[in-house]
């Protein structure tokens, strides 16, 4: 019970890369476990800095019951200025705690885990809200690491995509992502510098940016039947939210921190525009509305990090890929 292991980012990335389908299943089961009340997922705590208003470090504590029965916390930073220095915006660590004793037993590099649970959640929502694994035209807005992970999960789930469109505010990022999508993943890919053109006519749209406030605000931007994965949470204005069918991962969590749904609540003074959660869609209690745009807004739950983290930990233990730390705990007896 006093073992302690470390799992680095390369190991986590390798495990995720060969088990993406299983991770989607884990995320689906976690949503249902959370919906059944067999979890504890407190509000995230945001550490902000007076001289860096765009940067933050977030603590996501959680407990996941069901078959997993583990507690833990993800400590994830978001420093957008890193992008200008040509390295990733986010970095993270995940600590896993034994539920019986409370002792931590593993520390995992978690930017890979965080990206994987985000991507798996998005791809799961796409399947549930479109009713299949096909898209005539898939548009991805934002050409960073999260977008890449989402597309890799679409590939792992064997989606049939006729045309992939990439838009980023920096054309060089769009071009690099398009080249990767075409040469490594086999998509017929184009780039589009004009956002309106990129969104128009796409049946499935993914927002994966670092936007801090809405810039897509025209109420007529999306049309009936379009499915929009609002992964980055703050690209879409409240005017659009009000006229769409809104599916959230967790209502209480998503209605905070000036997300698009939270801004809509603040502007209109109610939550009547919220139609349900992804778990309710999975269970068949909520049906996608083909007469309106459907927007999925996932705040990102700590229980998902635990689920994916435990999957990576168990796989690494079985394959001998953990780095064990002998005598991590200085005292293991009371006397």
C-alpha atoms as a PDB file:
ATOM      1  CA  UNK A   1       0.000   0.000   0.000  1.00  0.00           C
ATOM      2  CA  UNK A   2       3.013   2.320   0.313  1.00  0.00           C
ATOM      3  CA  UNK A   3       4.160   2.029  -3.281  1.00  0.00           C
ATOM      4  CA  UNK A   4       4.554   5.268  -5.202  1.00  0.00           C
ATOM      5  CA  UNK A   5       5.086   5.542  -8.949  1.00  0.00           C
ATOM      6  CA  UNK A   6       5.770   8.276 -11.486  1.00  0.00           C
ATOM      7  CA  UNK A   7       4.596   8.162 -15.091  1.00  0.00           C
ATOM      8  CA  UNK A   8       6.163  10.640 -17.495  1.00  0.00           C
ATOM      9  CA  UNK A   9       4.542  12.362 -20.425  1.00  0.00           C
ATOM     10  CA  UNK A  10       6.159  10.231 -23.115  1.00  0.00           C
ATOM     11  CA  UNK A  11       4.887   7.055 -21.483  1.00  0.00           C
ATOM     12  CA  UNK A  12       1.419   8.545 -21.047  1.00  0.00           C
ATOM     13  CA  UNK A  13       1.388   9.686 -24.672  1.00  0.00           C
ATOM     14  CA  UNK A  14       2.451   6.241 -25.919  1.00  0.00           C
ATOM     15  CA  UNK A  15      -0.243   4.480 -23.871  1.00  0.00           C
ATOM     16  CA  UNK A  16      -2.910   6.937 -24.986  1.00  0.00           C
ATOM     17  CA  UNK A  17      -1.843   6.529 -28.595  1.00  0.00           C
ATOM     18  CA  UNK A  18      -2.411   2.791 -28.588  1.00  0.00           C
ATOM     19  CA  UNK A  19      -5.611   2.734 -26.486  1.00  0.00           C
ATOM     20  CA  UNK A  20      -7.751   5.652 -27.690  1.00  0.00           C
ATOM     21  CA  UNK A  21     -10.836   3.539 -28.310  1.00  0.00           C
ATOM     22  CA  UNK A  22     -10.673   2.194 -24.762  1.00  0.00           C
ATOM     23  CA  UNK A  23     -10.310   5.749 -23.423  1.00  0.00           C
ATOM     24  CA  UNK A  24     -13.521   6.819 -25.170  1.00  0.00           C
ATOM     25  CA  UNK A  25     -15.260   3.894 -23.463  1.00  0.00           C
ATOM     26  CA  UNK A  26     -13.791   4.933 -20.103  1.00  0.00           C
ATOM     27  CA  UNK A  27     -15.026   8.502 -20.586  1.00  0.00           C
ATOM     28  CA  UNK A  28     -18.498   7.299 -21.540  1.00  0.00           C
ATOM     29  CA  UNK A  29     -18.699   5.114 -18.427  1.00  0.00           C
ATOM     30  CA  UNK A  30     -17.426   7.970 -16.269  1.00  0.00           C
ATOM     31  CA  UNK A  31     -20.159  10.315 -17.465  1.00  0.00           C
ATOM     32  CA  UNK A  32     -22.739   7.704 -16.520  1.00  0.00           C
ATOM     33  CA  UNK A  33     -21.110   7.084 -13.128  1.00  0.00           C
ATOM     34  CA  UNK A  34     -21.103  10.822 -12.462  1.00  0.00           C
ATOM     35  CA  UNK A  35     -24.732  11.116 -13.573  1.00  0.00           C
ATOM     36  CA  UNK A  36     -25.663   8.318 -11.169  1.00  0.00           C
ATOM     37  CA  UNK A  37     -24.241  10.325  -8.267  1.00  0.00           C
ATOM     38  CA  UNK A  38     -21.306   7.988  -7.626  1.00  0.00           C
ATOM     39  CA  UNK A  39     -18.691  10.726  -7.717  1.00  0.00           C
ATOM     40  CA  UNK A  40     -17.609  13.911  -6.000  1.00  0.00           C
ATOM     41  CA  UNK A  41     -16.515  16.711  -8.294  1.00  0.00           C
ATOM     42  CA  UNK A  42     -16.046  20.009  -6.405  1.00  0.00           C
ATOM     43  CA  UNK A  43     -15.675  23.327  -8.139  1.00  0.00           C
ATOM     44  CA  UNK A  44     -12.274  23.968  -9.663  1.00  0.00           C
ATOM     45  CA  UNK A  45     -10.027  26.458  -7.915  1.00  0.00           C
ATOM     46  CA  UNK A  46      -8.420  29.111 -10.118  1.00  0.00           C
ATOM     47  CA  UNK A  47      -5.108  30.619  -9.060  1.00  0.00           C
ATOM     48  CA  UNK A  48      -4.694  33.909 -10.919  1.00  0.00           C
ATOM     49  CA  UNK A  49      -1.914  36.478 -11.020  1.00  0.00           C
ATOM     50  CA  UNK A  50      -2.311  40.286 -10.928  1.00  0.00           C
ATOM     51  CA  UNK A  51       0.480  40.883 -13.430  1.00  0.00           C
ATOM     52  CA  UNK A  52      -0.594  38.027 -15.742  1.00  0.00           C
ATOM     53  CA  UNK A  53      -4.371  38.365 -16.178  1.00  0.00           C
ATOM     54  CA  UNK A  54      -4.512  35.846 -19.035  1.00  0.00           C
ATOM     55  CA  UNK A  55      -2.672  33.132 -17.096  1.00  0.00           C
ATOM     56  CA  UNK A  56      -3.921  30.770 -14.421  1.00  0.00           C
ATOM     57  CA  UNK A  57      -3.245  27.504 -12.618  1.00  0.00           C
ATOM     58  CA  UNK A  58      -6.292  25.392 -11.853  1.00  0.00           C
ATOM     59  CA  UNK A  59      -6.804  22.723  -9.205  1.00  0.00           C
ATOM     60  CA  UNK A  60      -9.384  20.041 -10.018  1.00  0.00           C
ATOM     61  CA  UNK A  61      -9.978  17.714  -7.058  1.00  0.00           C
ATOM     62  CA  UNK A  62     -12.351  14.788  -7.518  1.00  0.00           C
ATOM     63  CA  UNK A  63     -13.450  11.350  -6.403  1.00  0.00           C
ATOM     64  CA  UNK A  64     -14.671   8.748  -8.893  1.00  0.00           C
ATOM     65  CA  UNK A  65     -16.585   5.776  -7.534  1.00  0.00           C
ATOM     66  CA  UNK A  66     -18.070   2.893  -9.495  1.00  0.00           C
ATOM     67  CA  UNK A  67     -15.449   0.460 -10.722  1.00  0.00           C
ATOM     68  CA  UNK A  68     -12.635   3.016 -10.333  1.00  0.00           C
ATOM     69  CA  UNK A  69     -12.902   4.069  -6.680  1.00  0.00           C
ATOM     70  CA  UNK A  70     -10.058   6.577  -6.644  1.00  0.00           C
ATOM     71  CA  UNK A  71      -9.531  10.157  -5.527  1.00  0.00           C
ATOM     72  CA  UNK A  72      -7.058  12.681  -6.816  1.00  0.00           C
ATOM     73  CA  UNK A  73      -6.306  16.146  -8.070  1.00  0.00           C
ATOM     74  CA  UNK A  74      -5.107  17.637 -11.341  1.00  0.00           C
ATOM     75  CA  UNK A  75      -2.971  20.768 -11.148  1.00  0.00           C
ATOM     76  CA  UNK A  76      -2.973  22.354 -14.597  1.00  0.00           C
ATOM     77  CA  UNK A  77      -1.537  25.654 -15.738  1.00  0.00           C
ATOM     78  CA  UNK A  78      -2.618  27.724 -18.719  1.00  0.00           C
ATOM     79  CA  UNK A  79      -0.115  30.358 -19.780  1.00  0.00           C
ATOM     80  CA  UNK A  80      -1.101  31.560 -23.289  1.00  0.00           C
ATOM     81  CA  UNK A  81       2.134  33.512 -23.599  1.00  0.00           C
ATOM     82  CA  UNK A  82       3.961  30.213 -23.969  1.00  0.00           C
ATOM     83  CA  UNK A  83       2.642  29.950 -27.510  1.00  0.00           C
ATOM     84  CA  UNK A  84       4.674  33.001 -28.546  1.00  0.00           C
ATOM     85  CA  UNK A  85       7.750  31.168 -27.247  1.00  0.00           C
ATOM     86  CA  UNK A  86       6.889  28.108 -29.358  1.00  0.00           C
ATOM     87  CA  UNK A  87       6.046  25.698 -26.567  1.00  0.00           C
ATOM     88  CA  UNK A  88       2.675  24.460 -25.286  1.00  0.00           C
ATOM     89  CA  UNK A  89       0.279  26.693 -23.387  1.00  0.00           C
ATOM     90  CA  UNK A  90      -0.678  24.047 -20.816  1.00  0.00           C
ATOM     91  CA  UNK A  91       1.288  21.866 -18.414  1.00  0.00           C
ATOM     92  CA  UNK A  92      -0.096  19.610 -15.714  1.00  0.00           C
ATOM     93  CA  UNK A  93       0.418  16.943 -13.092  1.00  0.00           C
ATOM     94  CA  UNK A  94      -2.120  14.455 -11.746  1.00  0.00           C
ATOM     95  CA  UNK A  95      -1.903  12.948  -8.257  1.00  0.00           C
ATOM     96  CA  UNK A  96      -3.868   9.764  -7.553  1.00  0.00           C
ATOM     97  CA  UNK A  97      -4.942   8.818  -4.014  1.00  0.00           C
ATOM     98  CA  UNK A  98      -5.951   5.442  -2.644  1.00  0.00           C
ATOM     99  CA  UNK A  99      -9.565   5.728  -1.485  1.00  0.00           C
ATOM    100  CA  UNK A 100      -9.161   3.357   1.486  1.00  0.00           C
ATOM    101  CA  UNK A 101      -6.181   5.081   3.108  1.00  0.00           C
ATOM    102  CA  UNK A 102      -5.944   8.466   1.388  1.00  0.00           C
ATOM    103  CA  UNK A 103      -2.293   7.812   0.545  1.00  0.00           C
ATOM    104  CA  UNK A 104      -1.134   9.069  -2.860  1.00  0.00           C
ATOM    105  CA  UNK A 105       0.203   6.223  -4.972  1.00  0.00           C
ATOM    106  CA  UNK A 106       1.054   7.817  -8.329  1.00  0.00           C
ATOM    107  CA  UNK A 107       2.005  11.096  -9.959  1.00  0.00           C
ATOM    108  CA  UNK A 108       1.462  11.392 -13.707  1.00  0.00           C
ATOM    109  CA  UNK A 109       2.448  14.048 -16.202  1.00  0.00           C
ATOM    110  CA  UNK A 110      -1.066  15.133 -17.064  1.00  0.00           C
ATOM    111  CA  UNK A 111      -1.077  17.466 -20.051  1.00  0.00           C
ATOM    112  CA  UNK A 112      -1.373  14.320 -22.194  1.00  0.00           C
ATOM    113  CA  UNK A 113      -4.106  12.936 -19.936  1.00  0.00           C
ATOM    114  CA  UNK A 114      -5.985  16.243 -19.915  1.00  0.00           C
ATOM    115  CA  UNK A 115      -5.823  16.497 -23.696  1.00  0.00           C
ATOM    116  CA  UNK A 116      -6.952  12.875 -24.075  1.00  0.00           C
ATOM    117  CA  UNK A 117      -9.974  13.184 -21.801  1.00  0.00           C
ATOM    118  CA  UNK A 118     -10.952  16.437 -23.560  1.00  0.00           C
ATOM    119  CA  UNK A 119     -10.623  14.830 -26.971  1.00  0.00           C
ATOM    120  CA  UNK A 120     -12.438  11.650 -25.975  1.00  0.00           C
ATOM    121  CA  UNK A 121     -15.293  13.699 -24.501  1.00  0.00           C
ATOM    122  CA  UNK A 122     -15.592  15.746 -27.696  1.00  0.00           C
ATOM    123  CA  UNK A 123     -15.572  12.739 -30.020  1.00  0.00           C
ATOM    124  CA  UNK A 124     -18.055  10.874 -27.814  1.00  0.00           C
ATOM    125  CA  UNK A 125     -20.366  13.909 -27.908  1.00  0.00           C
ATOM    126  CA  UNK A 126     -20.024  14.154 -31.684  1.00  0.00           C
ATOM    127  CA  UNK A 127     -21.160  10.562 -32.097  1.00  0.00           C
ATOM    128  CA  UNK A 128     -24.058  10.929 -29.660  1.00  0.00           C
ATOM    129  CA  UNK A 129     -25.286  14.220 -31.129  1.00  0.00           C
ATOM    130  CA  UNK A 130     -24.925  13.338 -34.811  1.00  0.00           C
ATOM    131  CA  UNK A 131     -26.135   9.761 -34.441  1.00  0.00           C
ATOM    132  CA  UNK A 132     -23.136   8.182 -36.152  1.00  0.00           C
ATOM    133  CA  UNK A 133     -19.499   8.503 -37.132  1.00  0.00           C
ATOM    134  CA  UNK A 134     -19.727  10.382 -40.405  1.00  0.00           C
ATOM    135  CA  UNK A 135     -19.286  14.026 -41.355  1.00  0.00           C
ATOM    136  CA  UNK A 136     -19.540  15.498 -44.811  1.00  0.00           C
ATOM    137  CA  UNK A 137     -17.582  18.576 -43.726  1.00  0.00           C
ATOM    138  CA  UNK A 138     -15.748  18.844 -40.410  1.00  0.00           C
ATOM    139  CA  UNK A 139     -14.353  22.258 -39.449  1.00  0.00           C
ATOM    140  CA  UNK A 140     -11.814  22.658 -36.669  1.00  0.00           C
ATOM    141  CA  UNK A 141     -11.218  26.171 -35.349  1.00  0.00           C
ATOM    142  CA  UNK A 142      -7.869  26.381 -33.608  1.00  0.00           C
ATOM    143  CA  UNK A 143      -4.816  24.428 -34.715  1.00  0.00           C
ATOM    144  CA  UNK A 144      -3.115  23.600 -31.437  1.00  0.00           C
ATOM    145  CA  UNK A 145      -2.448  20.515 -29.353  1.00  0.00           C
ATOM    146  CA  UNK A 146      -6.048  20.003 -28.237  1.00  0.00           C
ATOM    147  CA  UNK A 147      -7.260  20.186 -31.834  1.00  0.00           C
ATOM    148  CA  UNK A 148      -4.646  17.636 -32.875  1.00  0.00           C
ATOM    149  CA  UNK A 149      -5.712  15.274 -30.102  1.00  0.00           C
ATOM    150  CA  UNK A 150      -9.371  15.607 -31.031  1.00  0.00           C
ATOM    151  CA  UNK A 151      -8.625  14.735 -34.648  1.00  0.00           C
ATOM    152  CA  UNK A 152      -6.516  11.748 -33.565  1.00  0.00           C
ATOM    153  CA  UNK A 153      -9.469  10.484 -31.516  1.00  0.00           C
ATOM    154  CA  UNK A 154     -11.817  10.969 -34.478  1.00  0.00           C
ATOM    155  CA  UNK A 155      -9.375   8.828 -36.459  1.00  0.00           C
ATOM    156  CA  UNK A 156      -9.191   6.156 -33.760  1.00  0.00           C
ATOM    157  CA  UNK A 157     -13.002   5.960 -33.702  1.00  0.00           C
ATOM    158  CA  UNK A 158     -12.915   5.404 -37.484  1.00  0.00           C
ATOM    159  CA  UNK A 159     -14.947   8.427 -38.465  1.00  0.00           C
ATOM    160  CA  UNK A 160     -15.648   8.899 -42.165  1.00  0.00           C
ATOM    161  CA  UNK A 161     -14.979  12.562 -42.996  1.00  0.00           C
ATOM    162  CA  UNK A 162     -15.322  13.722 -46.584  1.00  0.00           C
ATOM    163  CA  UNK A 163     -13.654  17.101 -46.076  1.00  0.00           C
ATOM    164  CA  UNK A 164     -11.663  18.549 -43.188  1.00  0.00           C
ATOM    165  CA  UNK A 165     -11.361  22.344 -42.925  1.00  0.00           C
ATOM    166  CA  UNK A 166      -8.816  23.979 -40.619  1.00  0.00           C
ATOM    167  CA  UNK A 167      -9.027  27.602 -39.463  1.00  0.00           C
ATOM    168  CA  UNK A 168      -6.631  29.386 -37.131  1.00  0.00           C
ATOM    169  CA  UNK A 169      -6.007  33.089 -36.628  1.00  0.00           C
ATOM    170  CA  UNK A 170      -2.416  32.360 -37.638  1.00  0.00           C
ATOM    171  CA  UNK A 171      -2.379  30.858 -41.155  1.00  0.00           C
ATOM    172  CA  UNK A 172       0.963  29.153 -40.575  1.00  0.00           C
ATOM    173  CA  UNK A 173      -0.599  27.086 -37.773  1.00  0.00           C
ATOM    174  CA  UNK A 174      -3.492  26.113 -40.052  1.00  0.00           C
ATOM    175  CA  UNK A 175      -1.069  25.029 -42.740  1.00  0.00           C
ATOM    176  CA  UNK A 176       1.056  22.926 -40.384  1.00  0.00           C
ATOM    177  CA  UNK A 177      -2.010  21.205 -38.903  1.00  0.00           C
ATOM    178  CA  UNK A 178      -3.471  20.569 -42.363  1.00  0.00           C
ATOM    179  CA  UNK A 179      -0.221  18.975 -43.503  1.00  0.00           C
ATOM    180  CA  UNK A 180      -0.232  16.679 -40.474  1.00  0.00           C
ATOM    181  CA  UNK A 181      -3.897  15.776 -40.945  1.00  0.00           C
ATOM    182  CA  UNK A 182      -3.322  14.933 -44.571  1.00  0.00           C
ATOM    183  CA  UNK A 183       0.044  13.172 -44.489  1.00  0.00           C
ATOM    184  CA  UNK A 184      -0.228  11.375 -41.134  1.00  0.00           C
ATOM    185  CA  UNK A 185      -3.967  10.782 -40.730  1.00  0.00           C
ATOM    186  CA  UNK A 186      -5.118  10.612 -44.338  1.00  0.00           C
ATOM    187  CA  UNK A 187      -7.742  13.382 -44.377  1.00  0.00           C
ATOM    188  CA  UNK A 188      -8.662  15.422 -47.438  1.00  0.00           C
ATOM    189  CA  UNK A 189      -7.834  18.747 -45.859  1.00  0.00           C
ATOM    190  CA  UNK A 190      -8.092  22.417 -46.758  1.00  0.00           C
ATOM    191  CA  UNK A 191      -7.313  25.583 -44.816  1.00  0.00           C
ATOM    192  CA  UNK A 192      -9.609  28.589 -44.661  1.00  0.00           C
ATOM    193  CA  UNK A 193      -8.430  31.980 -43.414  1.00  0.00           C
ATOM    194  CA  UNK A 194     -11.942  33.439 -43.312  1.00  0.00           C
ATOM    195  CA  UNK A 195     -13.828  32.200 -40.239  1.00  0.00           C
ATOM    196  CA  UNK A 196     -17.299  32.661 -41.713  1.00  0.00           C
ATOM    197  CA  UNK A 197     -16.354  30.651 -44.772  1.00  0.00           C
ATOM    198  CA  UNK A 198     -14.866  27.950 -42.576  1.00  0.00           C
ATOM    199  CA  UNK A 199     -18.075  27.593 -40.556  1.00  0.00           C
ATOM    200  CA  UNK A 200     -20.597  27.871 -43.377  1.00  0.00           C
ATOM    201  CA  UNK A 201     -21.876  24.549 -44.663  1.00  0.00           C
ATOM    202  CA  UNK A 202     -20.082  22.341 -42.133  1.00  0.00           C
ATOM    203  CA  UNK A 203     -22.231  19.736 -40.420  1.00  0.00           C
ATOM    204  CA  UNK A 204     -19.742  19.321 -37.540  1.00  0.00           C
ATOM    205  CA  UNK A 205     -17.678  22.151 -36.009  1.00  0.00           C
ATOM    206  CA  UNK A 206     -15.038  22.009 -33.274  1.00  0.00           C
ATOM    207  CA  UNK A 207     -13.800  25.070 -31.386  1.00  0.00           C
ATOM    208  CA  UNK A 208     -10.423  24.383 -29.754  1.00  0.00           C
ATOM    209  CA  UNK A 209      -8.845  27.790 -29.199  1.00  0.00           C
ATOM    210  CA  UNK A 210      -7.423  29.874 -26.352  1.00  0.00           C
ATOM    211  CA  UNK A 211     -10.087  32.589 -26.708  1.00  0.00           C
ATOM    212  CA  UNK A 212     -10.908  34.430 -23.496  1.00  0.00           C
ATOM    213  CA  UNK A 213     -14.142  36.018 -24.691  1.00  0.00           C
ATOM    214  CA  UNK A 214     -16.678  35.519 -27.506  1.00  0.00           C
ATOM    215  CA  UNK A 215     -15.867  36.622 -31.029  1.00  0.00           C
ATOM    216  CA  UNK A 216     -18.559  34.548 -32.805  1.00  0.00           C
ATOM    217  CA  UNK A 217     -21.638  36.607 -31.959  1.00  0.00           C
ATOM    218  CA  UNK A 218     -23.976  36.732 -34.966  1.00  0.00           C
ATOM    219  CA  UNK A 219     -27.135  34.838 -33.983  1.00  0.00           C
ATOM    220  CA  UNK A 220     -27.397  33.510 -37.549  1.00  0.00           C
ATOM    221  CA  UNK A 221     -23.903  31.988 -37.590  1.00  0.00           C
ATOM    222  CA  UNK A 222     -25.052  28.389 -37.179  1.00  0.00           C
ATOM    223  CA  UNK A 223     -27.937  26.664 -38.895  1.00  0.00           C
ATOM    224  CA  UNK A 224     -30.385  23.923 -37.948  1.00  0.00           C
ATOM    225  CA  UNK A 225     -28.753  20.533 -37.767  1.00  0.00           C
ATOM    226  CA  UNK A 226     -25.196  21.753 -37.274  1.00  0.00           C
ATOM    227  CA  UNK A 227     -23.423  20.190 -34.309  1.00  0.00           C
ATOM    228  CA  UNK A 228     -20.930  22.481 -32.584  1.00  0.00           C
ATOM    229  CA  UNK A 229     -18.403  21.181 -30.052  1.00  0.00           C
ATOM    230  CA  UNK A 230     -17.676  24.234 -27.893  1.00  0.00           C
ATOM    231  CA  UNK A 231     -14.547  22.682 -26.390  1.00  0.00           C
ATOM    232  CA  UNK A 232     -12.755  25.963 -25.649  1.00  0.00           C
ATOM    233  CA  UNK A 233     -15.968  27.277 -24.056  1.00  0.00           C
ATOM    234  CA  UNK A 234     -15.642  31.007 -24.709  1.00  0.00           C
ATOM    235  CA  UNK A 235     -15.691  31.487 -28.485  1.00  0.00           C
ATOM    236  CA  UNK A 236     -19.475  31.682 -28.852  1.00  0.00           C
ATOM    237  CA  UNK A 237     -21.615  34.646 -27.804  1.00  0.00           C
ATOM    238  CA  UNK A 238     -24.752  34.420 -25.643  1.00  0.00           C
ATOM    239  CA  UNK A 239     -26.988  35.426 -28.580  1.00  0.00           C
ATOM    240  CA  UNK A 240     -26.084  32.163 -30.307  1.00  0.00           C
ATOM    241  CA  UNK A 241     -26.392  30.095 -27.143  1.00  0.00           C
ATOM    242  CA  UNK A 242     -29.930  31.375 -26.586  1.00  0.00           C
ATOM    243  CA  UNK A 243     -31.153  30.114 -29.975  1.00  0.00           C
ATOM    244  CA  UNK A 244     -29.468  26.699 -29.886  1.00  0.00           C
ATOM    245  CA  UNK A 245     -30.052  23.388 -28.187  1.00  0.00           C
ATOM    246  CA  UNK A 246     -27.444  23.335 -25.425  1.00  0.00           C
ATOM    247  CA  UNK A 247     -25.978  20.108 -24.067  1.00  0.00           C
ATOM    248  CA  UNK A 248     -23.462  20.409 -21.220  1.00  0.00           C
ATOM    249  CA  UNK A 249     -21.242  17.875 -19.484  1.00  0.00           C
ATOM    250  CA  UNK A 250     -22.214  19.180 -16.033  1.00  0.00           C
ATOM    251  CA  UNK A 251     -24.606  22.095 -15.599  1.00  0.00           C
ATOM    252  CA  UNK A 252     -23.320  23.346 -12.255  1.00  0.00           C
ATOM    253  CA  UNK A 253     -19.699  23.413 -13.373  1.00  0.00           C
ATOM    254  CA  UNK A 254     -20.287  24.820 -16.834  1.00  0.00           C
ATOM    255  CA  UNK A 255     -22.331  27.747 -15.531  1.00  0.00           C
ATOM    256  CA  UNK A 256     -19.237  29.401 -14.049  1.00  0.00           C
ATOM    257  CA  UNK A 257     -16.065  31.205 -15.130  1.00  0.00           C
ATOM    258  CA  UNK A 258     -17.711  33.182 -17.950  1.00  0.00           C
ATOM    259  CA  UNK A 259     -18.157  30.259 -20.285  1.00  0.00           C
ATOM    260  CA  UNK A 260     -20.523  30.851 -23.221  1.00  0.00           C
ATOM    261  CA  UNK A 261     -23.509  29.341 -21.347  1.00  0.00           C
ATOM    262  CA  UNK A 262     -22.600  31.295 -18.212  1.00  0.00           C
ATOM    263  CA  UNK A 263     -22.493  34.545 -20.199  1.00  0.00           C
ATOM    264  CA  UNK A 264     -25.920  33.719 -21.612  1.00  0.00           C
ATOM    265  CA  UNK A 265     -27.274  33.201 -18.095  1.00  0.00           C
ATOM    266  CA  UNK A 266     -25.823  36.531 -16.998  1.00  0.00           C
ATOM    267  CA  UNK A 267     -27.270  38.341 -19.996  1.00  0.00           C
ATOM    268  CA  UNK A 268     -30.755  36.829 -20.023  1.00  0.00           C
ATOM    269  CA  UNK A 269     -31.233  36.008 -16.340  1.00  0.00           C
ATOM    270  CA  UNK A 270     -32.257  32.353 -16.692  1.00  0.00           C
ATOM    271  CA  UNK A 271     -31.089  28.874 -17.680  1.00  0.00           C
ATOM    272  CA  UNK A 272     -34.049  27.896 -19.826  1.00  0.00           C
ATOM    273  CA  UNK A 273     -31.755  27.502 -22.839  1.00  0.00           C
ATOM    274  CA  UNK A 274     -30.037  24.462 -21.251  1.00  0.00           C
ATOM    275  CA  UNK A 275     -31.563  21.257 -22.585  1.00  0.00           C
ATOM    276  CA  UNK A 276     -29.607  18.589 -20.724  1.00  0.00           C
ATOM    277  CA  UNK A 277     -26.319  16.800 -20.231  1.00  0.00           C
ATOM    278  CA  UNK A 278     -24.341  14.422 -22.389  1.00  0.00           C
ATOM    279  CA  UNK A 279     -25.126  11.599 -19.968  1.00  0.00           C
ATOM    280  CA  UNK A 280     -28.834  12.215 -20.534  1.00  0.00           C
ATOM    281  CA  UNK A 281     -28.251  12.027 -24.285  1.00  0.00           C
ATOM    282  CA  UNK A 282     -26.345   8.739 -23.868  1.00  0.00           C
ATOM    283  CA  UNK A 283     -29.227   7.343 -21.785  1.00  0.00           C
ATOM    284  CA  UNK A 284     -31.826   8.485 -24.333  1.00  0.00           C
ATOM    285  CA  UNK A 285     -33.499  10.927 -21.951  1.00  0.00           C
ATOM    286  CA  UNK A 286     -32.646  13.898 -24.211  1.00  0.00           C
ATOM    287  CA  UNK A 287     -32.822  13.764 -28.010  1.00  0.00           C
ATOM    288  CA  UNK A 288     -30.751  16.009 -30.315  1.00  0.00           C
ATOM    289  CA  UNK A 289     -32.931  18.702 -31.912  1.00  0.00           C
ATOM    290  CA  UNK A 290     -32.488  18.740 -35.689  1.00  0.00           C
ATOM    291  CA  UNK A 291     -34.466  22.004 -35.980  1.00  0.00           C
ATOM    292  CA  UNK A 292     -31.785  24.042 -34.198  1.00  0.00           C
ATOM    293  CA  UNK A 293     -28.010  24.120 -33.984  1.00  0.00           C
ATOM    294  CA  UNK A 294     -26.817  21.759 -31.248  1.00  0.00           C
ATOM    295  CA  UNK A 295     -23.972  23.063 -29.061  1.00  0.00           C
ATOM    296  CA  UNK A 296     -22.030  20.838 -26.672  1.00  0.00           C
ATOM    297  CA  UNK A 297     -20.167  22.768 -23.962  1.00  0.00           C
ATOM    298  CA  UNK A 298     -17.884  20.579 -21.807  1.00  0.00           C
ATOM    299  CA  UNK A 299     -16.368  22.345 -18.808  1.00  0.00           C
ATOM    300  CA  UNK A 300     -14.050  19.407 -18.280  1.00  0.00           C
ATOM    301  CA  UNK A 301     -14.602  17.353 -15.152  1.00  0.00           C
ATOM    302  CA  UNK A 302     -11.939  16.195 -12.738  1.00  0.00           C
ATOM    303  CA  UNK A 303     -13.529  12.742 -12.677  1.00  0.00           C
ATOM    304  CA  UNK A 304     -12.578  12.346 -16.342  1.00  0.00           C
ATOM    305  CA  UNK A 305      -8.945  13.038 -15.491  1.00  0.00           C
ATOM    306  CA  UNK A 306      -9.144  10.360 -12.811  1.00  0.00           C
ATOM    307  CA  UNK A 307     -10.648   7.849 -15.226  1.00  0.00           C
ATOM    308  CA  UNK A 308      -8.050   8.417 -17.926  1.00  0.00           C
ATOM    309  CA  UNK A 309      -5.267   8.719 -15.359  1.00  0.00           C
ATOM    310  CA  UNK A 310      -6.192   5.366 -13.811  1.00  0.00           C
ATOM    311  CA  UNK A 311      -6.348   3.798 -17.258  1.00  0.00           C
ATOM    312  CA  UNK A 312      -2.845   5.058 -18.026  1.00  0.00           C
ATOM    313  CA  UNK A 313      -1.562   3.999 -14.580  1.00  0.00           C
ATOM    314  CA  UNK A 314      -2.960   0.464 -14.806  1.00  0.00           C
ATOM    315  CA  UNK A 315      -1.668   0.006 -18.334  1.00  0.00           C
ATOM    316  CA  UNK A 316       1.770   1.287 -17.348  1.00  0.00           C
ATOM    317  CA  UNK A 317       1.902  -1.049 -14.329  1.00  0.00           C
ATOM    318  CA  UNK A 318       0.952  -4.044 -16.445  1.00  0.00           C
ATOM    319  CA  UNK A 319       3.592  -3.244 -19.064  1.00  0.00           C
ATOM    320  CA  UNK A 320       6.321  -2.273 -16.606  1.00  0.00           C
ATOM    321  CA  UNK A 321       6.456   1.351 -17.764  1.00  0.00           C
ATOM    322  CA  UNK A 322       6.154   3.054 -14.365  1.00  0.00           C
ATOM    323  CA  UNK A 323       9.071   4.624 -12.536  1.00  0.00           C
ATOM    324  CA  UNK A 324       8.781   3.441  -8.946  1.00  0.00           C
ATOM    325  CA  UNK A 325      10.050   5.584  -6.073  1.00  0.00           C
ATOM    326  CA  UNK A 326      11.174   3.386  -3.156  1.00  0.00           C
ATOM    327  CA  UNK A 327      10.659   4.806   0.328  1.00  0.00           C
ATOM    328  CA  UNK A 328       8.701   7.783  -0.975  1.00  0.00           C
ATOM    329  CA  UNK A 329       6.941   7.913   2.385  1.00  0.00           C
ATOM    330  CA  UNK A 330       9.394   8.640   5.191  1.00  0.00           C
ATOM    331  CA  UNK A 331       7.301   6.969   7.890  1.00  0.00           C
ATOM    332  CA  UNK A 332       4.940   4.059   7.429  1.00  0.00           C
ATOM    333  CA  UNK A 333       4.423   3.109  11.092  1.00  0.00           C
ATOM    334  CA  UNK A 334       2.957   5.261  13.848  1.00  0.00           C
ATOM    335  CA  UNK A 335       5.550   4.130  16.393  1.00  0.00           C
END
